[in-house]
Protein backbone atom coordinates (compact mmCIF):
# COMPACT_ATOMS: atom_id res chain seq x y z
CA MET A 1 109.72 59.06 89.68
CA PRO A 2 109.48 59.08 85.79
CA ASP A 3 110.22 62.00 84.07
CA THR A 4 106.67 62.91 82.74
CA ASN A 5 108.42 65.30 79.84
CA MET A 6 110.07 61.75 78.67
CA GLN A 7 106.86 60.10 78.87
CA THR A 8 104.52 62.56 76.71
CA ALA A 9 107.48 62.87 74.25
CA THR A 10 107.50 58.68 74.10
CA GLY A 11 103.76 58.44 73.48
CA SER A 12 103.66 61.30 71.03
CA ILE A 13 106.47 59.15 68.96
CA ASP A 14 104.36 56.39 69.34
CA ALA A 15 101.13 57.74 68.17
CA MET A 16 103.26 59.39 65.08
CA GLN A 17 104.66 56.83 63.84
CA ALA A 18 101.33 54.55 64.05
CA ILE A 19 99.83 57.67 62.08
CA PHE A 20 102.92 57.51 59.39
CA HIS A 21 102.35 53.01 58.82
CA GLN A 22 98.47 54.61 58.89
CA GLN A 23 98.89 56.97 56.23
CA LYS A 24 101.36 54.48 53.53
CA ALA A 25 98.53 51.86 54.08
CA ALA A 26 95.58 54.69 52.97
CA PHE A 27 97.83 55.69 50.13
CA GLU A 28 98.32 51.70 48.98
CA ALA A 29 95.12 51.91 48.68
CA GLU A 30 94.48 54.72 46.55
CA ARG A 31 97.91 55.78 44.52
CA HIS A 32 96.63 57.52 42.60
CA ARG A 33 93.33 60.30 44.08
CA PRO A 34 91.25 61.57 41.40
CA LEU A 35 91.73 64.91 39.85
CA SER A 36 88.24 65.82 41.06
CA ASP A 37 88.76 65.26 44.62
CA ARG A 38 92.16 66.97 45.19
CA LYS A 39 90.95 69.23 43.62
CA ALA A 40 88.15 69.65 46.12
CA ASP A 41 90.49 69.22 48.86
CA LEU A 42 92.16 72.79 47.98
CA GLU A 43 89.19 74.09 47.74
CA LYS A 44 88.89 73.09 51.20
CA ILE A 45 92.03 74.87 52.28
CA GLU A 46 90.54 78.13 49.78
CA GLU A 47 87.17 78.15 52.48
CA LEU A 48 89.06 77.59 55.75
CA VAL A 49 91.48 80.19 54.83
CA LYS A 50 88.16 82.47 54.35
CA THR A 51 86.53 81.48 57.35
CA ARG A 52 89.03 81.24 59.93
CA GLY A 53 91.46 84.08 58.82
CA ASP A 54 90.93 85.70 61.60
CA GLU A 55 91.21 82.88 63.94
CA PHE A 56 94.70 82.87 62.52
CA ALA A 57 95.45 85.97 62.67
CA ALA A 58 94.21 86.19 66.48
CA ALA A 59 96.80 82.43 66.75
CA ILE A 60 99.80 84.30 65.36
CA ASP A 61 99.30 87.83 66.50
CA ALA A 62 99.54 86.03 70.34
CA ASP A 63 102.54 83.48 69.45
CA PHE A 64 104.50 87.06 68.24
CA GLY A 65 102.70 88.70 71.45
CA ARG A 66 102.44 91.56 67.82
CA ARG A 67 102.15 90.14 64.59
CA SER A 68 101.14 93.02 62.18
CA LYS A 69 96.78 91.63 61.20
CA SER A 70 97.63 93.73 58.19
CA GLU A 71 101.24 91.68 57.40
CA THR A 72 99.25 88.30 58.54
CA ALA A 73 96.64 89.05 55.79
CA LEU A 74 98.87 90.34 52.82
CA ALA A 75 102.02 87.59 53.72
CA GLU A 76 99.90 83.91 54.83
CA LEU A 77 95.83 84.75 54.72
CA GLY A 78 96.45 85.89 51.29
CA PHE A 79 99.20 83.83 49.81
CA THR A 80 97.64 80.95 51.46
CA ILE A 81 94.24 81.29 49.34
CA ALA A 82 96.39 82.68 45.81
CA THR A 83 98.91 79.65 45.96
CA ALA A 84 95.46 77.27 46.40
CA LYS A 85 92.97 78.51 43.79
CA HIS A 86 95.97 78.67 41.18
CA SER A 87 96.32 74.78 41.90
CA ARG A 88 93.13 73.97 41.64
CA GLN A 89 93.11 75.55 38.16
CA HIS A 90 95.97 74.45 36.23
CA LEU A 91 95.90 70.94 38.49
CA THR A 92 94.54 68.93 35.28
CA LYS A 93 97.90 70.25 32.81
CA TRP A 94 100.23 70.14 35.53
CA ALA A 95 98.65 66.34 35.97
CA SER A 96 98.25 64.91 32.53
CA SER A 97 100.92 62.72 31.04
CA LYS A 98 103.69 64.59 28.81
CA PRO A 99 104.68 63.17 25.80
CA VAL A 100 108.07 62.96 24.67
CA SER A 101 109.10 62.13 21.15
CA VAL A 102 110.93 58.79 20.01
CA PRO A 103 113.37 58.43 18.03
CA MET A 104 113.57 56.63 14.59
CA THR A 105 115.11 53.79 15.60
CA LEU A 106 112.59 53.20 18.30
CA ALA A 107 109.87 53.60 16.40
CA PRO A 108 106.77 52.12 15.73
CA GLY A 109 107.01 52.85 19.81
CA LYS A 110 105.07 55.50 21.99
CA ALA A 111 106.94 57.45 25.14
CA TYR A 112 104.89 59.65 27.67
CA VAL A 113 105.79 60.04 31.35
CA ARG A 114 103.25 59.95 33.76
CA ARG A 115 103.13 62.09 36.65
CA GLU A 116 102.50 60.29 40.17
CA PRO A 117 101.91 60.97 43.89
CA LYS A 118 105.64 60.14 45.21
CA GLY A 119 103.88 58.64 48.25
CA VAL A 120 103.66 59.86 51.83
CA VAL A 121 105.01 62.98 52.46
CA GLY A 122 106.46 65.36 55.18
CA ILE A 123 106.19 69.03 55.88
CA VAL A 124 108.42 70.85 58.84
CA SER A 125 107.45 74.21 58.51
CA PRO A 126 108.88 76.94 61.00
CA TRP A 127 107.51 80.26 63.19
CA ASN A 128 108.38 83.04 60.85
CA TYR A 129 105.42 82.57 58.41
CA SER A 130 103.71 79.39 60.81
CA MET A 131 100.28 79.71 58.49
CA GLN A 132 101.35 80.36 54.98
CA LEU A 133 104.33 77.78 55.31
CA ALA A 134 103.01 74.84 56.55
CA PHE A 135 99.83 75.51 53.97
CA ALA A 136 101.58 76.17 50.80
CA PRO A 137 103.61 72.95 50.81
CA LEU A 138 100.61 71.15 52.14
CA VAL A 139 97.99 72.63 48.74
CA ALA A 140 101.32 71.61 46.86
CA ALA A 141 101.61 67.89 48.23
CA LEU A 142 97.71 67.40 48.28
CA ALA A 143 97.46 68.91 44.81
CA ALA A 144 99.89 66.11 43.65
CA GLY A 145 98.22 64.02 45.67
CA CYS A 146 100.12 62.25 48.21
CA ARG A 147 98.91 61.77 51.81
CA VAL A 148 100.78 64.87 54.29
CA MET A 149 102.43 65.20 57.55
CA ILE A 150 103.47 67.98 59.19
CA LYS A 151 105.25 68.99 61.65
CA PRO A 152 104.96 73.10 63.42
CA SER A 153 107.29 74.91 65.23
CA GLU A 154 107.02 74.52 68.61
CA PHE A 155 107.23 79.10 68.74
CA THR A 156 103.95 79.34 67.70
CA PRO A 157 102.25 76.91 69.58
CA ARG A 158 98.78 78.34 69.35
CA THR A 159 99.10 78.76 65.54
CA ALA A 160 100.37 74.89 65.59
CA ALA A 161 96.92 74.15 67.88
CA LEU A 162 94.45 75.56 65.22
CA ILE A 163 95.94 74.27 62.05
CA LYS A 164 95.50 70.87 63.84
CA SER A 165 92.15 71.17 64.80
CA THR A 166 91.23 72.76 61.57
CA LEU A 167 92.49 70.66 59.35
CA GLY A 168 91.67 67.82 61.98
CA GLU A 169 88.12 69.45 60.88
CA LEU A 170 88.33 68.45 56.53
CA PHE A 171 90.22 65.59 56.25
CA SER A 172 90.88 62.29 58.18
CA GLU A 173 94.47 61.48 60.28
CA ASP A 174 95.22 58.92 57.51
CA HIS A 175 95.03 61.69 54.70
CA VAL A 176 96.72 65.02 56.12
CA ALA A 177 97.56 64.73 59.73
CA VAL A 178 99.54 67.58 62.34
CA ILE A 179 102.35 66.14 64.94
CA GLU A 180 102.87 68.68 67.58
CA GLY A 181 105.41 68.95 69.81
CA GLY A 182 109.45 70.32 70.44
CA VAL A 183 112.89 69.00 69.61
CA GLU A 184 112.42 65.32 70.21
CA GLU A 185 109.51 65.05 68.16
CA ALA A 186 110.86 66.86 64.90
CA SER A 187 114.25 64.73 65.26
CA ALA A 188 111.84 61.68 65.47
CA PHE A 189 109.44 62.93 62.80
CA THR A 190 112.41 63.61 60.23
CA ALA A 191 113.58 60.32 60.29
CA LEU A 192 110.28 58.78 58.92
CA PRO A 193 111.09 57.03 55.84
CA PHE A 194 108.76 59.70 53.84
CA ASP A 195 108.77 59.32 50.11
CA HIS A 196 109.46 63.16 50.57
CA LEU A 197 110.68 66.06 53.05
CA PHE A 198 109.44 69.23 53.08
CA TYR A 199 112.05 71.17 55.22
CA THR A 200 111.83 75.03 55.94
CA GLY A 201 113.59 76.83 58.82
CA SER A 202 117.86 77.97 59.11
CA THR A 203 120.69 76.34 57.34
CA GLN A 204 122.15 74.92 60.66
CA VAL A 205 119.00 72.59 60.70
CA GLY A 206 118.61 71.71 57.70
CA ARG A 207 122.35 70.46 57.82
CA ILE A 208 120.90 68.20 60.60
CA VAL A 209 117.50 67.25 58.54
CA ALA A 210 119.16 66.13 55.40
CA LYS A 211 121.84 64.05 56.88
CA ALA A 212 118.32 62.05 59.05
CA ALA A 213 116.51 62.23 55.51
CA ALA A 214 119.99 60.40 53.94
CA GLU A 215 119.53 57.20 56.60
CA ASN A 216 116.31 56.50 54.71
CA LEU A 217 116.88 57.60 50.92
CA THR A 218 114.07 60.37 51.33
CA PRO A 219 114.61 63.05 48.96
CA VAL A 220 114.34 66.13 50.44
CA THR A 221 113.33 69.95 49.86
CA LEU A 222 115.58 72.54 52.22
CA GLU A 223 113.98 76.21 52.08
CA LEU A 224 116.80 77.91 53.76
CA GLY A 225 118.06 81.06 53.99
CA GLY A 226 121.21 82.94 54.39
CA LYS A 227 122.25 86.96 53.85
CA SER A 228 120.28 88.22 50.89
CA PRO A 229 122.07 91.14 49.52
CA ALA A 230 120.75 94.95 47.89
CA VAL A 231 122.20 96.40 45.39
CA VAL A 232 121.89 99.50 44.53
CA ALA A 233 123.48 100.90 41.39
CA PRO A 234 125.19 103.76 40.67
CA ASP A 235 123.04 104.76 37.84
CA PHE A 236 119.60 104.33 40.86
CA ASP A 237 118.16 107.24 42.87
CA GLY A 238 119.47 106.28 46.98
CA ALA A 239 116.07 107.97 48.60
CA GLU A 240 114.34 105.76 45.49
CA ALA A 241 115.30 102.80 46.46
CA ALA A 242 115.00 103.19 50.30
CA LYS A 243 111.03 103.55 49.73
CA THR A 244 111.00 99.91 49.06
CA LEU A 245 113.42 98.60 50.43
CA ALA A 246 113.11 99.38 53.81
CA TRP A 247 109.28 98.09 53.77
CA GLY A 248 110.81 94.33 52.57
CA LYS A 249 113.27 94.79 55.37
CA PHE A 250 111.26 95.86 58.28
CA LEU A 251 108.10 93.73 57.40
CA ASN A 252 107.60 91.38 59.84
CA ALA A 253 110.05 92.76 61.98
CA GLY A 254 112.61 91.88 59.03
CA GLN A 255 111.67 88.06 60.73
CA THR A 256 111.70 87.11 56.49
CA CYS A 257 114.07 83.90 55.10
CA VAL A 258 113.90 86.56 51.62
CA ALA A 259 114.39 89.96 53.63
CA PRO A 260 117.27 92.22 52.30
CA ASP A 261 120.18 90.77 54.85
CA TYR A 262 122.83 94.40 53.79
CA ALA A 263 122.70 96.70 51.56
CA LEU A 264 125.50 97.72 49.35
CA VAL A 265 125.16 101.18 47.99
CA PRO A 266 127.97 103.61 45.74
CA ARG A 267 130.35 104.12 48.47
CA GLY A 268 130.03 107.24 49.54
CA SER A 269 126.50 107.51 49.86
CA GLU A 270 126.20 105.22 52.90
CA GLN A 271 125.15 108.02 55.76
CA ASP A 272 122.66 109.09 52.90
CA PHE A 273 121.27 105.95 52.25
CA ALA A 274 120.80 105.19 56.14
CA LYS A 275 118.92 108.51 56.64
CA ALA A 276 116.91 107.30 53.86
CA VAL A 277 115.88 104.27 54.99
CA MET A 278 115.42 105.49 58.89
CA HIS A 279 112.91 108.50 57.27
CA GLU A 280 110.99 105.72 55.41
CA THR A 281 110.66 103.14 58.20
CA GLY A 282 109.37 106.32 60.45
CA GLU A 283 106.77 107.18 57.92
CA MET A 284 105.48 103.48 57.79
CA TRP A 285 105.99 102.55 61.38
CA PRO A 286 105.62 106.11 63.48
CA ASP A 287 106.04 105.09 67.28
CA VAL A 288 107.19 101.73 67.09
CA ALA A 289 106.68 100.99 70.51
CA THR A 290 102.71 101.06 70.53
CA ASN A 291 102.36 100.85 66.94
CA GLY A 292 99.42 97.61 66.49
CA ASP A 293 101.37 97.30 62.56
CA TYR A 294 104.94 96.79 63.69
CA THR A 295 105.60 92.62 64.86
CA ALA A 296 107.62 91.84 67.79
CA ILE A 297 110.63 89.83 68.15
CA ILE A 298 108.99 85.60 68.26
CA SER A 299 111.01 84.69 71.51
CA GLU A 300 113.03 86.86 74.56
CA ARG A 301 116.33 84.67 73.00
CA HIS A 302 115.69 85.85 69.95
CA HIS A 303 115.52 89.48 71.02
CA ALA A 304 119.09 88.48 72.86
CA ARG A 305 120.78 87.83 69.84
CA LEU A 306 119.21 90.61 67.69
CA SER A 307 121.34 93.31 70.54
CA GLU A 308 123.97 90.93 70.62
CA MET A 309 125.02 91.83 67.10
CA VAL A 310 123.99 95.79 67.70
CA GLU A 311 126.18 95.86 70.53
CA GLU A 312 128.98 94.40 68.78
CA VAL A 313 129.17 96.73 66.13
CA ARG A 314 128.52 99.24 68.18
CA GLN A 315 131.54 98.48 70.09
CA ALA A 316 133.71 98.44 67.32
CA GLY A 317 132.65 101.85 66.20
CA ALA A 318 130.05 101.30 63.40
CA GLU A 319 127.51 104.33 63.46
CA VAL A 320 124.11 102.70 64.53
CA HIS A 321 120.94 104.60 63.57
CA GLN A 322 117.66 103.23 65.26
CA LEU A 323 114.04 104.86 65.20
CA ALA A 324 112.74 106.38 68.50
CA PHE A 325 111.69 103.62 71.25
CA ASN A 326 110.51 103.79 74.90
CA LYS A 327 110.39 100.23 75.90
CA ALA A 328 108.42 101.06 79.03
CA ASP A 329 105.44 102.00 76.49
CA ALA A 330 106.11 98.59 74.01
CA GLY A 331 104.22 96.63 77.17
CA ASN A 332 106.35 93.84 75.34
CA THR A 333 110.27 93.54 75.97
CA ARG A 334 110.36 91.73 72.52
CA ILE A 335 109.67 95.17 70.74
CA PHE A 336 113.20 95.46 68.54
CA PRO A 337 113.20 98.78 67.28
CA PRO A 338 113.94 99.50 63.10
CA THR A 339 117.82 100.00 63.49
CA VAL A 340 120.52 100.85 59.97
CA LEU A 341 124.25 100.00 60.78
CA VAL A 342 126.90 101.83 58.35
CA ASN A 343 130.07 100.37 57.61
CA PRO A 344 129.42 97.02 60.14
CA PRO A 345 133.11 95.48 60.34
CA LEU A 346 132.83 92.38 57.94
CA ASP A 347 134.13 89.51 60.68
CA SER A 348 131.29 90.36 63.31
CA LYS A 349 128.15 88.22 63.47
CA LEU A 350 126.15 90.53 62.10
CA MET A 351 127.77 90.41 58.65
CA GLN A 352 128.90 86.86 59.08
CA GLU A 353 125.40 84.61 60.06
CA GLU A 354 121.46 85.51 58.74
CA ILE A 355 120.78 88.02 60.81
CA PHE A 356 116.54 87.61 60.33
CA GLY A 357 115.67 90.74 62.08
CA PRO A 358 114.78 94.56 61.72
CA ILE A 359 118.61 95.12 61.63
CA LEU A 360 120.21 96.54 58.02
CA PRO A 361 124.19 96.66 57.49
CA VAL A 362 124.72 99.46 55.15
CA LEU A 363 128.15 98.74 53.45
CA GLY A 364 129.78 100.91 50.53
CA HIS A 365 130.32 99.55 46.56
CA ASP A 366 133.23 100.30 43.99
CA GLY A 367 130.93 99.47 40.78
CA LEU A 368 128.56 97.03 40.55
CA GLU A 369 131.84 94.53 39.28
CA ASP A 370 133.03 95.08 43.23
CA ALA A 371 129.54 94.71 44.16
CA ALA A 372 129.29 91.31 42.42
CA ARG A 373 132.72 90.41 43.66
CA PHE A 374 131.72 91.01 47.07
CA ILE A 375 128.28 89.08 46.93
CA ASN A 376 130.37 85.75 45.15
CA GLU A 377 132.76 85.54 47.88
CA ARG A 378 129.90 84.81 50.35
CA ASP A 379 127.42 81.74 50.47
CA ARG A 380 124.54 81.38 47.99
CA PRO A 381 121.98 83.73 49.27
CA LEU A 382 118.17 82.91 48.50
CA ALA A 383 117.37 86.28 47.20
CA LEU A 384 118.95 89.11 45.06
CA TYR A 385 117.49 92.16 45.12
CA VAL A 386 118.77 94.94 42.01
CA TYR A 387 118.24 98.62 41.76
CA ALA A 388 118.64 99.87 38.70
CA LYS A 389 117.39 102.39 36.01
CA SER A 390 119.00 100.32 33.19
CA LYS A 391 117.26 97.17 32.32
CA GLN A 392 119.86 95.48 30.76
CA THR A 393 122.32 96.69 33.69
CA ALA A 394 120.06 94.82 36.49
CA ARG A 395 120.66 92.01 33.98
CA ASP A 396 123.77 91.65 33.43
CA PHE A 397 124.29 92.09 36.95
CA LEU A 398 122.26 89.37 37.81
CA GLY A 399 124.38 87.45 35.20
CA ARG A 400 127.76 87.94 37.42
CA THR A 401 125.78 86.55 40.54
CA ILE A 402 123.85 83.56 41.27
CA SER A 403 121.33 83.34 43.95
CA GLY A 404 118.21 80.93 44.70
CA GLY A 405 115.78 84.05 43.66
CA ALA A 406 115.96 88.00 42.47
CA ALA A 407 114.07 90.71 42.29
CA VAL A 408 114.52 94.23 40.18
CA ASN A 409 114.24 97.75 41.49
CA ILE A 410 111.96 95.73 44.45
CA PRO A 411 112.07 93.20 47.69
CA LEU A 412 110.21 90.46 47.98
CA LEU A 413 107.13 90.26 45.05
CA HIS A 414 108.91 87.60 43.28
CA LEU A 415 107.58 85.40 45.58
CA SER A 416 104.11 86.58 44.62
CA VAL A 417 104.06 85.08 40.67
CA GLU A 418 102.73 81.38 41.02
CA ASP A 419 104.78 80.39 38.40
CA LEU A 420 107.88 81.32 39.46
CA PRO A 421 109.71 79.11 41.22
CA PHE A 422 110.52 79.27 44.17
CA GLY A 423 114.13 77.70 46.36
CA GLY A 424 117.89 78.27 47.40
CA VAL A 425 121.08 77.06 45.74
CA GLY A 426 123.88 75.70 47.66
CA ALA A 427 123.87 77.05 51.53
CA SER A 428 120.40 78.77 50.93
CA GLY A 429 118.72 75.00 49.70
CA TYR A 430 117.81 72.85 47.02
CA GLY A 431 115.06 71.59 45.19
CA SER A 432 112.45 74.46 44.60
CA TYR A 433 108.07 75.00 45.16
CA HIS A 434 104.76 77.64 44.42
CA GLY A 435 103.29 76.94 41.27
CA GLU A 436 103.55 73.85 38.61
CA SER A 437 106.99 73.36 41.30
CA GLY A 438 105.69 72.36 44.05
CA PHE A 439 102.96 70.06 42.14
CA LEU A 440 106.26 68.61 40.28
CA THR A 441 108.10 69.02 44.21
CA PHE A 442 105.51 66.37 45.53
CA THR A 443 105.10 64.39 42.02
CA HIS A 444 107.21 61.17 40.78
CA GLU A 445 107.86 61.84 36.71
CA ARG A 446 107.53 58.26 35.95
CA GLY A 447 109.33 58.29 32.18
CA VAL A 448 107.09 55.04 29.64
CA PHE A 449 108.09 53.47 26.43
CA GLU A 450 105.10 51.58 25.09
CA ALA A 451 106.16 49.11 21.91
CA PRO A 452 103.52 47.30 19.89
CA VAL A 453 103.27 43.16 20.40
CA TRP A 454 105.95 43.01 17.26
CA HIS A 455 108.54 45.27 17.81
CA PRO A 456 111.80 45.38 15.13
CA SER A 457 114.43 45.13 17.68
CA ARG A 458 114.39 41.68 17.84
CA LEU A 459 115.57 41.66 14.58
CA ILE A 460 118.79 43.57 15.99
CA ARG A 461 119.42 40.08 18.85
CA PRO A 462 122.12 37.83 19.17
CA PRO A 463 123.81 36.39 17.06
CA TYR A 464 124.82 40.32 15.38
CA GLY A 465 125.28 40.22 11.73
CA LYS A 466 123.98 42.73 9.32
CA MET A 467 120.89 43.83 10.77
CA PHE A 468 122.86 45.13 13.46
CA GLU A 469 125.22 46.54 11.14
CA PHE A 470 122.94 48.54 9.44
CA PHE A 471 120.69 49.32 12.68
CA LYS A 472 124.51 50.82 14.00
CA LYS A 473 124.55 53.06 11.34
CA LEU A 474 120.65 54.52 11.07
CA GLN A 475 121.73 55.30 15.10
CA ALA A 476 124.89 57.20 14.60
CA GLY A 477 122.93 59.48 11.67
């Protein structure tokens, strides 16, 4: 008997390839989509989220088994509306040609940079913010004038189906297309010869995506993750830092790429800091078993991984703080209570892998030089958070470290500043987006030099003589 799943995958891959060729043809027919049409495209996205936001919230909630509607409104719906509106309002300026100066030796010529759409782009979006992380790069690509294919995560099938159906109502398939499916479809998707490929997800899969794109010399943006540290300076009150750090860590049950992955606090204050974090967490999410504002873990596999991490360090003697939790009351086996661990072993999985869950390790440091050394000995993080009373202290610390992005005295909010580029460095990814950076990600900046019909450069053609020597001296200054 033939394998039905294989036949289904083969059929969907054939359809995917057909859509890709349709989009290529459509782009060739309209290489420069008018700005008025691009702005209209972005306005469609705004209106879609405003009018169908409740449907997206319900789909995301169903995919997670429990997802805070307030968090969805804040981090998915509101974010998407803001980025579409910002791009629409600034698009004319972003898309304008940029004049550049011409050296005297090339006068009377004119030089400028044309900003042109790259073509057909692919977006691979993850499950943790399944709507926002599909729509934000989509907004950037549409602003740039590209055709777009999106491959959402198979872990959030209801949201993926809703993204497909709603975008299908707004755009023809040769303009915006959504490809559903699992690993086989994702592998075939990343193997397509896109003009740009945008991937958000784990570092491990990011390496696979980069290899697939390299076969076609496709430029890639990798938005990955890593172990983003939060550092409390000696001059900062730990209890005060705990108020915002607890929110940033346990938002979406820690399933956020820029969530604080571990905290470095002045040595000797680890226990007090852990208790402060647990106190603030209990204030924000009382009774996590039944609290609709506290989000579930996306899958049983992810839940089991987190449990194994905690058990490993518990067995090694690390102190474990955990909010009271009655599993029977939860009605969902994937609820994982907020957990804080004090000084876990550095060779444990908890300290070697990105956690991506509601677990916060707390470690001691012997001053900011020691904290910077600890961070610099590891892979470059996607984000870095430093708590310091003195702005200069915070800026000096940023100068001693490297991260994709950073924030002072608060986590996460740098993502919400539209004009800040968002992206990683090293193992946390490369390339950036948001605001104009997103527009430029999907844009080819084409350098152009225009000369008049007769240009003085004719005077320095072979055979080289006195005029060439004069030109050489002029060029050397």
